[in-house]
Structure formats: structure tokens, C-alpha cells
Amino acid sequence: MERWSNIEPEPFLALVREGKLALDQIIDVRELDEWNYYHLDNSTLMPLSSFQERENEIERERPVYVICAHGVRSVAVCRYLSEKGYGNLANVIGGMAAVSSLDGFQYD
């Protein structure tokens, strides 16, 4: 059973646009070249390739939204963090491709 929630791109982007999420609450696990292509200004890059080295930067008590390109790597990170005792995790369904399309950007 999953110990994290999933959030659709529309309500996630609404939270972003309304300024309801702090910089450290959106964790982007894509690699730097993907980040440079398109990213949310108020997100934190923690590439999957070096994620374990930086996971201690994530606050356990605050809600955290994990995003990647299409939602596969973010699920893996949510699973990993939940197994390590983190709570309040949410996977952004469809990843940056889905979010960017709502923002008028063609990701792929």
C-alpha cells in the first residue's frame, strides 16, 4: 500500500500559482539538463542521480511534492522516502510534462 498521495497537475499548479508552496516543498528529481529545459521557479532541484546525498535536506514534517518528467522517478522517490519514515509526500501525476502543458509549454 502506498504511503504517499498523488496529486493531479491542475490542483498542484494552482497551489504553485497561489504561492502556497515554499521553495523546499517542491522537489524536482530530474537531471540538470531537464531542469534547464523547463522548471518551476519555486522548486528545488535534487537530481535522482545524487538524491541520496541530499535527502536529509527534506523536512519530514512539511508536505513535500515530488516531480519528475512524467511521474515515474517521482513515484520511486516517494516510495524510497516513505520507507525511510517521511510522511506528507505527494507525487505529481504526469510530472513536468503534464504541468508544463497547463502552463502553455510543450515539454516533449
PDB file of N, CA and C in Angstrom:
ATOM      1  N   MET A   1       0.834  -1.190   0.000  1.00  0.00           N
ATOM      2  CA  MET A   1       0.000   0.000   0.000  1.00  0.00           C
ATOM      3  C   MET A   1       0.879   1.254   0.000  1.00  0.00           C
ATOM      4  N   GLU A   2       0.500   2.204  -0.828  1.00  0.00           N
ATOM      5  CA  GLU A   2       1.265   3.447  -0.932  1.00  0.00           C
ATOM      6  C   GLU A   2       1.113   4.273   0.342  1.00  0.00           C
ATOM      7  N   ARG A   3       2.220   4.881   0.763  1.00  0.00           N
ATOM      8  CA  ARG A   3       2.200   5.732   1.948  1.00  0.00           C
ATOM      9  C   ARG A   3       2.415   7.192   1.553  1.00  0.00           C
ATOM     10  N   TRP A   4       2.021   7.509   0.356  1.00  0.00           N
ATOM     11  CA  TRP A   4       2.065   8.876  -0.132  1.00  0.00           C
ATOM     12  C   TRP A   4       0.807   9.091  -0.960  1.00  0.00           C
ATOM     13  N   SER A   5       0.538  10.324  -1.276  1.00  0.00           N
ATOM     14  CA  SER A   5      -0.636  10.621  -2.092  1.00  0.00           C
ATOM     15  C   SER A   5      -0.188  11.013  -3.491  1.00  0.00           C
ATOM     16  N   ASN A   6      -1.137  11.066  -4.374  1.00  0.00           N
ATOM     17  CA  ASN A   6      -0.902  11.548  -5.728  1.00  0.00           C
ATOM     18  C   ASN A   6      -1.721  12.809  -5.907  1.00  0.00           C
ATOM     19  N   ILE A   7      -1.172  13.769  -6.629  1.00  0.00           N
ATOM     20  CA  ILE A   7      -1.897  14.997  -6.905  1.00  0.00           C
ATOM     21  C   ILE A   7      -1.910  15.218  -8.410  1.00  0.00           C
ATOM     22  N   GLU A   8      -3.065  15.573  -8.914  1.00  0.00           N
ATOM     23  CA  GLU A   8      -3.209  15.873 -10.334  1.00  0.00           C
ATOM     24  C   GLU A   8      -2.488  17.185 -10.652  1.00  0.00           C
ATOM     25  N   PRO A   9      -2.076  17.373 -11.897  1.00  0.00           N
ATOM     26  CA  PRO A   9      -1.339  18.581 -12.266  1.00  0.00           C
ATOM     27  C   PRO A   9      -2.111  19.885 -12.022  1.00  0.00           C
ATOM     28  N   GLU A  10      -3.428  19.876 -12.263  1.00  0.00           N
ATOM     29  CA  GLU A  10      -4.211  21.112 -12.120  1.00  0.00           C
ATOM     30  C   GLU A  10      -4.197  21.652 -10.691  1.00  0.00           C
ATOM     31  N   PRO A  11      -4.563  20.861  -9.685  1.00  0.00           N
ATOM     32  CA  PRO A  11      -4.526  21.397  -8.319  1.00  0.00           C
ATOM     33  C   PRO A  11      -3.103  21.700  -7.837  1.00  0.00           C
ATOM     34  N   PHE A  12      -2.124  20.933  -8.326  1.00  0.00           N
ATOM     35  CA  PHE A  12      -0.737  21.216  -7.967  1.00  0.00           C
ATOM     36  C   PHE A  12      -0.322  22.583  -8.498  1.00  0.00           C
ATOM     37  N   LEU A  13      -0.590  22.839  -9.771  1.00  0.00           N
ATOM     38  CA  LEU A  13      -0.207  24.108 -10.369  1.00  0.00           C
ATOM     39  C   LEU A  13      -0.967  25.264  -9.721  1.00  0.00           C
ATOM     40  N   ALA A  14      -2.187  25.021  -9.284  1.00  0.00           N
ATOM     41  CA  ALA A  14      -2.946  26.059  -8.572  1.00  0.00           C
ATOM     42  C   ALA A  14      -2.241  26.424  -7.270  1.00  0.00           C
ATOM     43  N   LEU A  15      -1.761  25.429  -6.534  1.00  0.00           N
ATOM     44  CA  LEU A  15      -1.007  25.700  -5.300  1.00  0.00           C
ATOM     45  C   LEU A  15       0.247  26.519  -5.590  1.00  0.00           C
ATOM     46  N   VAL A  16       0.924  26.177  -6.685  1.00  0.00           N
ATOM     47  CA  VAL A  16       2.145  26.900  -7.072  1.00  0.00           C
ATOM     48  C   VAL A  16       1.806  28.346  -7.401  1.00  0.00           C
ATOM     49  N   ARG A  17       0.807  28.532  -8.253  1.00  0.00           N
ATOM     50  CA  ARG A  17       0.439  29.881  -8.702  1.00  0.00           C
ATOM     51  C   ARG A  17      -0.072  30.755  -7.568  1.00  0.00           C
ATOM     52  N   GLU A  18      -0.711  30.140  -6.589  1.00  0.00           N
ATOM     53  CA  GLU A  18      -1.240  30.888  -5.451  1.00  0.00           C
ATOM     54  C   GLU A  18      -0.180  31.153  -4.389  1.00  0.00           C
ATOM     55  N   GLY A  19       1.030  30.670  -4.619  1.00  0.00           N
ATOM     56  CA  GLY A  19       2.122  30.902  -3.681  1.00  0.00           C
ATOM     57  C   GLY A  19       1.977  30.149  -2.371  1.00  0.00           C
ATOM     58  N   LYS A  20       1.290  29.019  -2.413  1.00  0.00           N
ATOM     59  CA  LYS A  20       1.038  28.251  -1.187  1.00  0.00           C
ATOM     60  C   LYS A  20       2.119  27.219  -0.882  1.00  0.00           C
ATOM     61  N   LEU A  21       3.122  27.107  -1.766  1.00  0.00           N
ATOM     62  CA  LEU A  21       4.199  26.143  -1.543  1.00  0.00           C
ATOM     63  C   LEU A  21       5.533  26.874  -1.466  1.00  0.00           C
ATOM     64  N   ALA A  22       6.314  26.538  -0.468  1.00  0.00           N
ATOM     65  CA  ALA A  22       7.651  27.125  -0.317  1.00  0.00           C
ATOM     66  C   ALA A  22       8.632  26.411  -1.235  1.00  0.00           C
ATOM     67  N   LEU A  23       9.755  27.057  -1.484  1.00  0.00           N
ATOM     68  CA  LEU A  23      10.788  26.530  -2.370  1.00  0.00           C
ATOM     69  C   LEU A  23      11.154  25.089  -2.044  1.00  0.00           C
ATOM     70  N   ASP A  24      11.315  24.795  -0.769  1.00  0.00           N
ATOM     71  CA  ASP A  24      11.757  23.450  -0.388  1.00  0.00           C
ATOM     72  C   ASP A  24      10.635  22.424  -0.338  1.00  0.00           C
ATOM     73  N   GLN A  25       9.432  22.806  -0.734  1.00  0.00           N
ATOM     74  CA  GLN A  25       8.319  21.861  -0.729  1.00  0.00           C
ATOM     75  C   GLN A  25       8.119  21.187  -2.081  1.00  0.00           C
ATOM     76  N   ILE A  26       8.736  21.705  -3.134  1.00  0.00           N
ATOM     77  CA  ILE A  26       8.645  21.095  -4.460  1.00  0.00           C
ATOM     78  C   ILE A  26      10.033  20.560  -4.796  1.00  0.00           C
ATOM     79  N   ILE A  27      10.141  19.245  -4.840  1.00  0.00           N
ATOM     80  CA  ILE A  27      11.411  18.595  -5.118  1.00  0.00           C
ATOM     81  C   ILE A  27      11.361  18.028  -6.537  1.00  0.00           C
ATOM     82  N   ASP A  28      12.203  18.557  -7.394  1.00  0.00           N
ATOM     83  CA  ASP A  28      12.295  18.126  -8.790  1.00  0.00           C
ATOM     84  C   ASP A  28      13.461  17.152  -8.885  1.00  0.00           C
ATOM     85  N   VAL A  29      13.173  15.896  -9.231  1.00  0.00           N
ATOM     86  CA  VAL A  29      14.208  14.859  -9.237  1.00  0.00           C
ATOM     87  C   VAL A  29      14.764  14.579 -10.629  1.00  0.00           C
ATOM     88  N   ARG A  30      14.479  15.462 -11.578  1.00  0.00           N
ATOM     89  CA  ARG A  30      15.055  15.318 -12.911  1.00  0.00           C
ATOM     90  C   ARG A  30      16.533  15.719 -12.882  1.00  0.00           C
ATOM     91  N   GLU A  31      17.220  15.465 -13.957  1.00  0.00           N
ATOM     92  CA  GLU A  31      18.632  15.822 -14.065  1.00  0.00           C
ATOM     93  C   GLU A  31      18.767  17.271 -14.527  1.00  0.00           C
ATOM     94  N   LEU A  32      19.971  17.827 -14.407  1.00  0.00           N
ATOM     95  CA  LEU A  32      20.206  19.243 -14.668  1.00  0.00           C
ATOM     96  C   LEU A  32      19.802  19.671 -16.075  1.00  0.00           C
ATOM     97  N   ASP A  33      20.086  18.861 -17.089  1.00  0.00           N
ATOM     98  CA  ASP A  33      19.712  19.245 -18.451  1.00  0.00           C
ATOM     99  C   ASP A  33      18.202  19.323 -18.615  1.00  0.00           C
ATOM    100  N   GLU A  34      17.462  18.447 -17.945  1.00  0.00           N
ATOM    101  CA  GLU A  34      16.000  18.507 -17.976  1.00  0.00           C
ATOM    102  C   GLU A  34      15.508  19.760 -17.260  1.00  0.00           C
ATOM    103  N   TRP A  35      16.121  20.064 -16.137  1.00  0.00           N
ATOM    104  CA  TRP A  35      15.800  21.254 -15.350  1.00  0.00           C
ATOM    105  C   TRP A  35      16.018  22.513 -16.191  1.00  0.00           C
ATOM    106  N   ASN A  36      17.146  22.571 -16.878  1.00  0.00           N
ATOM    107  CA  ASN A  36      17.457  23.740 -17.701  1.00  0.00           C
ATOM    108  C   ASN A  36      16.466  23.919 -18.845  1.00  0.00           C
ATOM    109  N   TYR A  37      15.908  22.821 -19.326  1.00  0.00           N
ATOM    110  CA  TYR A  37      14.928  22.859 -20.412  1.00  0.00           C
ATOM    111  C   TYR A  37      13.638  23.548 -19.957  1.00  0.00           C
ATOM    112  N   TYR A  38      13.157  23.181 -18.787  1.00  0.00           N
ATOM    113  CA  TYR A  38      11.938  23.772 -18.221  1.00  0.00           C
ATOM    114  C   TYR A  38      11.862  23.400 -16.751  1.00  0.00           C
ATOM    115  N   HIS A  39      11.560  24.369 -15.905  1.00  0.00           N
ATOM    116  CA  HIS A  39      11.336  24.073 -14.482  1.00  0.00           C
ATOM    117  C   HIS A  39      10.452  25.137 -13.859  1.00  0.00           C
ATOM    118  N   LEU A  40       9.954  24.826 -12.697  1.00  0.00           N
ATOM    119  CA  LEU A  40       9.178  25.782 -11.913  1.00  0.00           C
ATOM    120  C   LEU A  40      10.152  26.603 -11.082  1.00  0.00           C
ATOM    121  N   ASP A  41      10.019  27.904 -11.155  1.00  0.00           N
ATOM    122  CA  ASP A  41      10.964  28.781 -10.454  1.00  0.00           C
ATOM    123  C   ASP A  41      11.014  28.521  -8.956  1.00  0.00           C
ATOM    124  N   ASN A  42       9.903  28.125  -8.379  1.00  0.00           N
ATOM    125  CA  ASN A  42       9.875  27.928  -6.928  1.00  0.00           C
ATOM    126  C   ASN A  42      10.010  26.457  -6.544  1.00  0.00           C
ATOM    127  N   SER A  43      10.914  25.749  -7.234  1.00  0.00           N
ATOM    128  CA  SER A  43      11.168  24.349  -6.903  1.00  0.00           C
ATOM    129  C   SER A  43      12.652  24.147  -6.619  1.00  0.00           C
ATOM    130  N   THR A  44      12.959  23.013  -6.007  1.00  0.00           N
ATOM    131  CA  THR A  44      14.335  22.675  -5.660  1.00  0.00           C
ATOM    132  C   THR A  44      14.778  21.475  -6.481  1.00  0.00           C
ATOM    133  N   LEU A  45      15.889  21.614  -7.161  1.00  0.00           N
ATOM    134  CA  LEU A  45      16.434  20.514  -7.954  1.00  0.00           C
ATOM    135  C   LEU A  45      17.238  19.580  -7.054  1.00  0.00           C
ATOM    136  N   MET A  46      16.841  18.311  -7.054  1.00  0.00           N
ATOM    137  CA  MET A  46      17.576  17.243  -6.372  1.00  0.00           C
ATOM    138  C   MET A  46      17.597  16.057  -7.320  1.00  0.00           C
ATOM    139  N   PRO A  47      18.520  16.066  -8.285  1.00  0.00           N
ATOM    140  CA  PRO A  47      18.543  15.007  -9.298  1.00  0.00           C
ATOM    141  C   PRO A  47      18.570  13.609  -8.682  1.00  0.00           C
ATOM    142  N   LEU A  48      17.849  12.709  -9.324  1.00  0.00           N
ATOM    143  CA  LEU A  48      17.795  11.335  -8.843  1.00  0.00           C
ATOM    144  C   LEU A  48      19.193  10.734  -8.741  1.00  0.00           C
ATOM    145  N   SER A  49      20.096  11.105  -9.649  1.00  0.00           N
ATOM    146  CA  SER A  49      21.444  10.544  -9.656  1.00  0.00           C
ATOM    147  C   SER A  49      22.244  10.884  -8.399  1.00  0.00           C
ATOM    148  N   SER A  50      21.861  11.940  -7.707  1.00  0.00           N
ATOM    149  CA  SER A  50      22.563  12.312  -6.469  1.00  0.00           C
ATOM    150  C   SER A  50      21.601  12.518  -5.311  1.00  0.00           C
ATOM    151  N   PHE A  51      20.411  11.956  -5.433  1.00  0.00           N
ATOM    152  CA  PHE A  51      19.346  12.215  -4.461  1.00  0.00           C
ATOM    153  C   PHE A  51      19.709  11.776  -3.046  1.00  0.00           C
ATOM    154  N   GLN A  52      20.278  10.599  -2.909  1.00  0.00           N
ATOM    155  CA  GLN A  52      20.574  10.074  -1.573  1.00  0.00           C
ATOM    156  C   GLN A  52      21.548  10.958  -0.808  1.00  0.00           C
ATOM    157  N   GLU A  53      22.398  11.679  -1.525  1.00  0.00           N
ATOM    158  CA  GLU A  53      23.348  12.581  -0.878  1.00  0.00           C
ATOM    159  C   GLU A  53      22.667  13.819  -0.293  1.00  0.00           C
ATOM    160  N   ARG A  54      21.461  14.123  -0.792  1.00  0.00           N
ATOM    161  CA  ARG A  54      20.789  15.360  -0.372  1.00  0.00           C
ATOM    162  C   ARG A  54      19.455  15.139   0.331  1.00  0.00           C
ATOM    163  N   GLU A  55      19.047  13.908   0.483  1.00  0.00           N
ATOM    164  CA  GLU A  55      17.718  13.654   1.042  1.00  0.00           C
ATOM    165  C   GLU A  55      17.518  14.250   2.428  1.00  0.00           C
ATOM    166  N   ASN A  56      18.594  14.422   3.190  1.00  0.00           N
ATOM    167  CA  ASN A  56      18.465  14.975   4.538  1.00  0.00           C
ATOM    168  C   ASN A  56      18.064  16.456   4.523  1.00  0.00           C
ATOM    169  N   GLU A  57      18.072  17.088   3.354  1.00  0.00           N
ATOM    170  CA  GLU A  57      17.624  18.472   3.234  1.00  0.00           C
ATOM    171  C   GLU A  57      16.092  18.585   3.268  1.00  0.00           C
ATOM    172  N   ILE A  58      15.414  17.476   3.109  1.00  0.00           N
ATOM    173  CA  ILE A  58      13.951  17.476   3.066  1.00  0.00           C
ATOM    174  C   ILE A  58      13.400  17.404   4.479  1.00  0.00           C
ATOM    175  N   GLU A  59      12.548  18.350   4.821  1.00  0.00           N
ATOM    176  CA  GLU A  59      11.929  18.351   6.150  1.00  0.00           C
ATOM    177  C   GLU A  59      10.880  17.254   6.219  1.00  0.00           C
ATOM    178  N   ARG A  60      10.924  16.495   7.280  1.00  0.00           N
ATOM    179  CA  ARG A  60       9.997  15.377   7.436  1.00  0.00           C
ATOM    180  C   ARG A  60       8.572  15.815   7.782  1.00  0.00           C
ATOM    181  N   GLU A  61       8.431  16.966   8.414  1.00  0.00           N
ATOM    182  CA  GLU A  61       7.125  17.386   8.925  1.00  0.00           C
ATOM    183  C   GLU A  61       6.278  18.136   7.901  1.00  0.00           C
ATOM    184  N   ARG A  62       6.921  18.743   6.905  1.00  0.00           N
ATOM    185  CA  ARG A  62       6.196  19.569   5.942  1.00  0.00           C
ATOM    186  C   ARG A  62       5.729  18.749   4.754  1.00  0.00           C
ATOM    187  N   PRO A  63       4.615  19.132   4.142  1.00  0.00           N
ATOM    188  CA  PRO A  63       4.207  18.480   2.896  1.00  0.00           C
ATOM    189  C   PRO A  63       5.260  18.717   1.812  1.00  0.00           C
ATOM    190  N   VAL A  64       5.577  17.675   1.073  1.00  0.00           N
ATOM    191  CA  VAL A  64       6.565  17.747   0.001  1.00  0.00           C
ATOM    192  C   VAL A  64       5.939  17.162  -1.261  1.00  0.00           C
ATOM    193  N   TYR A  65       6.102  17.881  -2.357  1.00  0.00           N
ATOM    194  CA  TYR A  65       5.591  17.470  -3.657  1.00  0.00           C
ATOM    195  C   TYR A  65       6.781  17.083  -4.522  1.00  0.00           C
ATOM    196  N   VAL A  66       6.770  15.841  -5.007  1.00  0.00           N
ATOM    197  CA  VAL A  66       7.889  15.319  -5.790  1.00  0.00           C
ATOM    198  C   VAL A  66       7.460  15.255  -7.253  1.00  0.00           C
ATOM    199  N   ILE A  67       8.332  15.797  -8.118  1.00  0.00           N
ATOM    200  CA  ILE A  67       8.003  15.848  -9.542  1.00  0.00           C
ATOM    201  C   ILE A  67       9.213  15.424 -10.362  1.00  0.00           C
ATOM    202  N   CYS A  68       8.930  14.812 -11.512  1.00  0.00           N
ATOM    203  CA  CYS A  68       9.981  14.459 -12.472  1.00  0.00           C
ATOM    204  C   CYS A  68       9.440  14.793 -13.859  1.00  0.00           C
ATOM    205  N   ALA A  69       9.889  14.115 -14.881  1.00  0.00           N
ATOM    206  CA  ALA A  69       9.436  14.427 -16.238  1.00  0.00           C
ATOM    207  C   ALA A  69       8.018  13.924 -16.505  1.00  0.00           C
ATOM    208  N   HIS A  70       7.756  12.651 -16.148  1.00  0.00           N
ATOM    209  CA  HIS A  70       6.465  12.047 -16.467  1.00  0.00           C
ATOM    210  C   HIS A  70       5.810  11.329 -15.293  1.00  0.00           C
ATOM    211  N   GLY A  71       6.447  11.314 -14.143  1.00  0.00           N
ATOM    212  CA  GLY A  71       5.835  10.714 -12.965  1.00  0.00           C
ATOM    213  C   GLY A  71       6.378   9.362 -12.558  1.00  0.00           C
ATOM    214  N   VAL A  72       7.399   8.869 -13.225  1.00  0.00           N
ATOM    215  CA  VAL A  72       7.954   7.555 -12.888  1.00  0.00           C
ATOM    216  C   VAL A  72       9.012   7.684 -11.787  1.00  0.00           C
ATOM    217  N   ARG A  73       9.984   8.549 -11.994  1.00  0.00           N
ATOM    218  CA  ARG A  73      11.045   8.728 -10.997  1.00  0.00           C
ATOM    219  C   ARG A  73      10.482   9.306  -9.698  1.00  0.00           C
ATOM    220  N   SER A  74       9.486  10.160  -9.809  1.00  0.00           N
ATOM    221  CA  SER A  74       8.912  10.754  -8.596  1.00  0.00           C
ATOM    222  C   SER A  74       8.208   9.707  -7.739  1.00  0.00           C
ATOM    223  N   VAL A  75       7.586   8.720  -8.354  1.00  0.00           N
ATOM    224  CA  VAL A  75       6.975   7.625  -7.598  1.00  0.00           C
ATOM    225  C   VAL A  75       8.057   6.840  -6.869  1.00  0.00           C
ATOM    226  N   ALA A  76       9.174   6.575  -7.561  1.00  0.00           N
ATOM    227  CA  ALA A  76      10.274   5.848  -6.925  1.00  0.00           C
ATOM    228  C   ALA A  76      10.815   6.623  -5.732  1.00  0.00           C
ATOM    229  N   VAL A  77      10.933   7.938  -5.850  1.00  0.00           N
ATOM    230  CA  VAL A  77      11.426   8.758  -4.744  1.00  0.00           C
ATOM    231  C   VAL A  77      10.411   8.780  -3.603  1.00  0.00           C
ATOM    232  N   CYS A  78       9.136   8.883  -3.918  1.00  0.00           N
ATOM    233  CA  CYS A  78       8.108   8.839  -2.866  1.00  0.00           C
ATOM    234  C   CYS A  78       8.160   7.512  -2.124  1.00  0.00           C
ATOM    235  N   ARG A  79       8.299   6.426  -2.854  1.00  0.00           N
ATOM    236  CA  ARG A  79       8.402   5.091  -2.231  1.00  0.00           C
ATOM    237  C   ARG A  79       9.632   5.037  -1.328  1.00  0.00           C
ATOM    238  N   TYR A  80      10.759   5.473  -1.831  1.00  0.00           N
ATOM    239  CA  TYR A  80      12.014   5.462  -1.080  1.00  0.00           C
ATOM    240  C   TYR A  80      11.893   6.290   0.200  1.00  0.00           C
ATOM    241  N   LEU A  81      11.397   7.518   0.081  1.00  0.00           N
ATOM    242  CA  LEU A  81      11.284   8.390   1.257  1.00  0.00           C
ATOM    243  C   LEU A  81      10.276   7.849   2.266  1.00  0.00           C
ATOM    244  N   SER A  82       9.170   7.303   1.779  1.00  0.00           N
ATOM    245  CA  SER A  82       8.174   6.763   2.715  1.00  0.00           C
ATOM    246  C   SER A  82       8.730   5.575   3.483  1.00  0.00           C
ATOM    247  N   GLU A  83       9.558   4.765   2.832  1.00  0.00           N
ATOM    248  CA  GLU A  83      10.193   3.637   3.510  1.00  0.00           C
ATOM    249  C   GLU A  83      11.205   4.103   4.555  1.00  0.00           C
ATOM    250  N   LYS A  84      11.701   5.320   4.403  1.00  0.00           N
ATOM    251  CA  LYS A  84      12.649   5.884   5.369  1.00  0.00           C
ATOM    252  C   LYS A  84      11.937   6.713   6.439  1.00  0.00           C
ATOM    253  N   GLY A  85      10.605   6.674   6.447  1.00  0.00           N
ATOM    254  CA  GLY A  85       9.854   7.327   7.504  1.00  0.00           C
ATOM    255  C   GLY A  85       9.334   8.723   7.211  1.00  0.00           C
ATOM    256  N   TYR A  86       9.540   9.196   6.000  1.00  0.00           N
ATOM    257  CA  TYR A  86       8.994  10.508   5.638  1.00  0.00           C
ATOM    258  C   TYR A  86       7.494  10.400   5.426  1.00  0.00           C
ATOM    259  N   GLY A  87       6.789  11.417   5.828  1.00  0.00           N
ATOM    260  CA  GLY A  87       5.350  11.482   5.605  1.00  0.00           C
ATOM    261  C   GLY A  87       5.025  12.718   4.801  1.00  0.00           C
ATOM    262  N   ASN A  88       3.764  12.973   4.610  1.00  0.00           N
ATOM    263  CA  ASN A  88       3.315  14.164   3.885  1.00  0.00           C
ATOM    264  C   ASN A  88       3.937  14.275   2.499  1.00  0.00           C
ATOM    265  N   LEU A  89       4.032  13.168   1.787  1.00  0.00           N
ATOM    266  CA  LEU A  89       4.593  13.148   0.448  1.00  0.00           C
ATOM    267  C   LEU A  89       3.491  13.100  -0.593  1.00  0.00           C
ATOM    268  N   ALA A  90       3.708  13.805  -1.704  1.00  0.00           N
ATOM    269  CA  ALA A  90       2.764  13.752  -2.817  1.00  0.00           C
ATOM    270  C   ALA A  90       3.530  13.645  -4.124  1.00  0.00           C
ATOM    271  N   ASN A  91       3.111  12.723  -4.951  1.00  0.00           N
ATOM    272  CA  ASN A  91       3.657  12.546  -6.287  1.00  0.00           C
ATOM    273  C   ASN A  91       2.797  13.358  -7.256  1.00  0.00           C
ATOM    274  N   VAL A  92       3.436  14.160  -8.109  1.00  0.00           N
ATOM    275  CA  VAL A  92       2.701  14.929  -9.117  1.00  0.00           C
ATOM    276  C   VAL A  92       2.486  14.030 -10.327  1.00  0.00           C
ATOM    277  N   ILE A  93       1.242  13.650 -10.558  1.00  0.00           N
ATOM    278  CA  ILE A  93       0.879  12.738 -11.639  1.00  0.00           C
ATOM    279  C   ILE A  93       1.195  13.375 -12.990  1.00  0.00           C
ATOM    280  N   GLY A  94       1.849  12.617 -13.845  1.00  0.00           N
ATOM    281  CA  GLY A  94       2.176  13.106 -15.184  1.00  0.00           C
ATOM    282  C   GLY A  94       3.413  13.968 -15.239  1.00  0.00           C
ATOM    283  N   GLY A  95       3.947  14.325 -14.082  1.00  0.00           N
ATOM    284  CA  GLY A  95       5.191  15.064 -13.990  1.00  0.00           C
ATOM    285  C   GLY A  95       5.195  16.414 -14.673  1.00  0.00           C
ATOM    286  N   MET A  96       6.391  16.855 -14.995  1.00  0.00           N
ATOM    287  CA  MET A  96       6.576  18.175 -15.571  1.00  0.00           C
ATOM    288  C   MET A  96       5.926  18.295 -16.945  1.00  0.00           C
ATOM    289  N   ALA A  97       5.835  17.199 -17.674  1.00  0.00           N
ATOM    290  CA  ALA A  97       5.173  17.235 -18.979  1.00  0.00           C
ATOM    291  C   ALA A  97       3.722  17.678 -18.832  1.00  0.00           C
ATOM    292  N   ALA A  98       3.027  17.125 -17.844  1.00  0.00           N
ATOM    293  CA  ALA A  98       1.630  17.490 -17.618  1.00  0.00           C
ATOM    294  C   ALA A  98       1.491  18.908 -17.062  1.00  0.00           C
ATOM    295  N   VAL A  99       2.346  19.266 -16.116  1.00  0.00           N
ATOM    296  CA  VAL A  99       2.282  20.596 -15.503  1.00  0.00           C
ATOM    297  C   VAL A  99       2.617  21.675 -16.528  1.00  0.00           C
ATOM    298  N   SER A 100       3.660  21.456 -17.316  1.00  0.00           N
ATOM    299  CA  SER A 100       4.077  22.475 -18.284  1.00  0.00           C
ATOM    300  C   SER A 100       3.025  22.709 -19.354  1.00  0.00           C
ATOM    301  N   SER A 101       2.298  21.678 -19.740  1.00  0.00           N
ATOM    302  CA  SER A 101       1.256  21.854 -20.755  1.00  0.00           C
ATOM    303  C   SER A 101       0.148  22.771 -20.238  1.00  0.00           C
ATOM    304  N   LEU A 102      -0.114  22.731 -18.941  1.00  0.00           N
ATOM    305  CA  LEU A 102      -1.102  23.642 -18.349  1.00  0.00           C
ATOM    306  C   LEU A 102      -0.585  25.076 -18.304  1.00  0.00           C
ATOM    307  N   ASP A 103       0.728  25.191 -18.365  1.00  0.00           N
ATOM    308  CA  ASP A 103       1.377  26.496 -18.327  1.00  0.00           C
ATOM    309  C   ASP A 103       1.682  27.000 -19.746  1.00  0.00           C
ATOM    310  N   GLY A 104       1.176  26.273 -20.765  1.00  0.00           N
ATOM    311  CA  GLY A 104       1.357  26.696 -22.144  1.00  0.00           C
ATOM    312  C   GLY A 104       2.686  26.328 -22.757  1.00  0.00           C
ATOM    313  N   PHE A 105       3.388  25.352 -22.178  1.00  0.00           N
ATOM    314  CA  PHE A 105       4.694  24.931 -22.668  1.00  0.00           C
ATOM    315  C   PHE A 105       4.612  23.490 -23.134  1.00  0.00           C
ATOM    316  N   GLN A 106       5.080  23.198 -24.323  1.00  0.00           N
ATOM    317  CA  GLN A 106       5.119  21.819 -24.824  1.00  0.00           C
ATOM    318  C   GLN A 106       6.425  21.189 -24.377  1.00  0.00           C
ATOM    319  N   TYR A 107       6.364  20.297 -23.388  1.00  0.00           N
ATOM    320  CA  TYR A 107       7.560  19.714 -22.788  1.00  0.00           C
ATOM    321  C   TYR A 107       8.271  18.740 -23.707  1.00  0.00           C
ATOM    322  N   ASP A 108       7.528  17.857 -24.326  1.00  0.00           N
ATOM    323  CA  ASP A 108       8.138  16.810 -25.185  1.00  0.00           C
ATOM    324  C   ASP A 108       8.133  17.209 -26.628  1.00  0.00           C
TER     325      ASP A 108
END
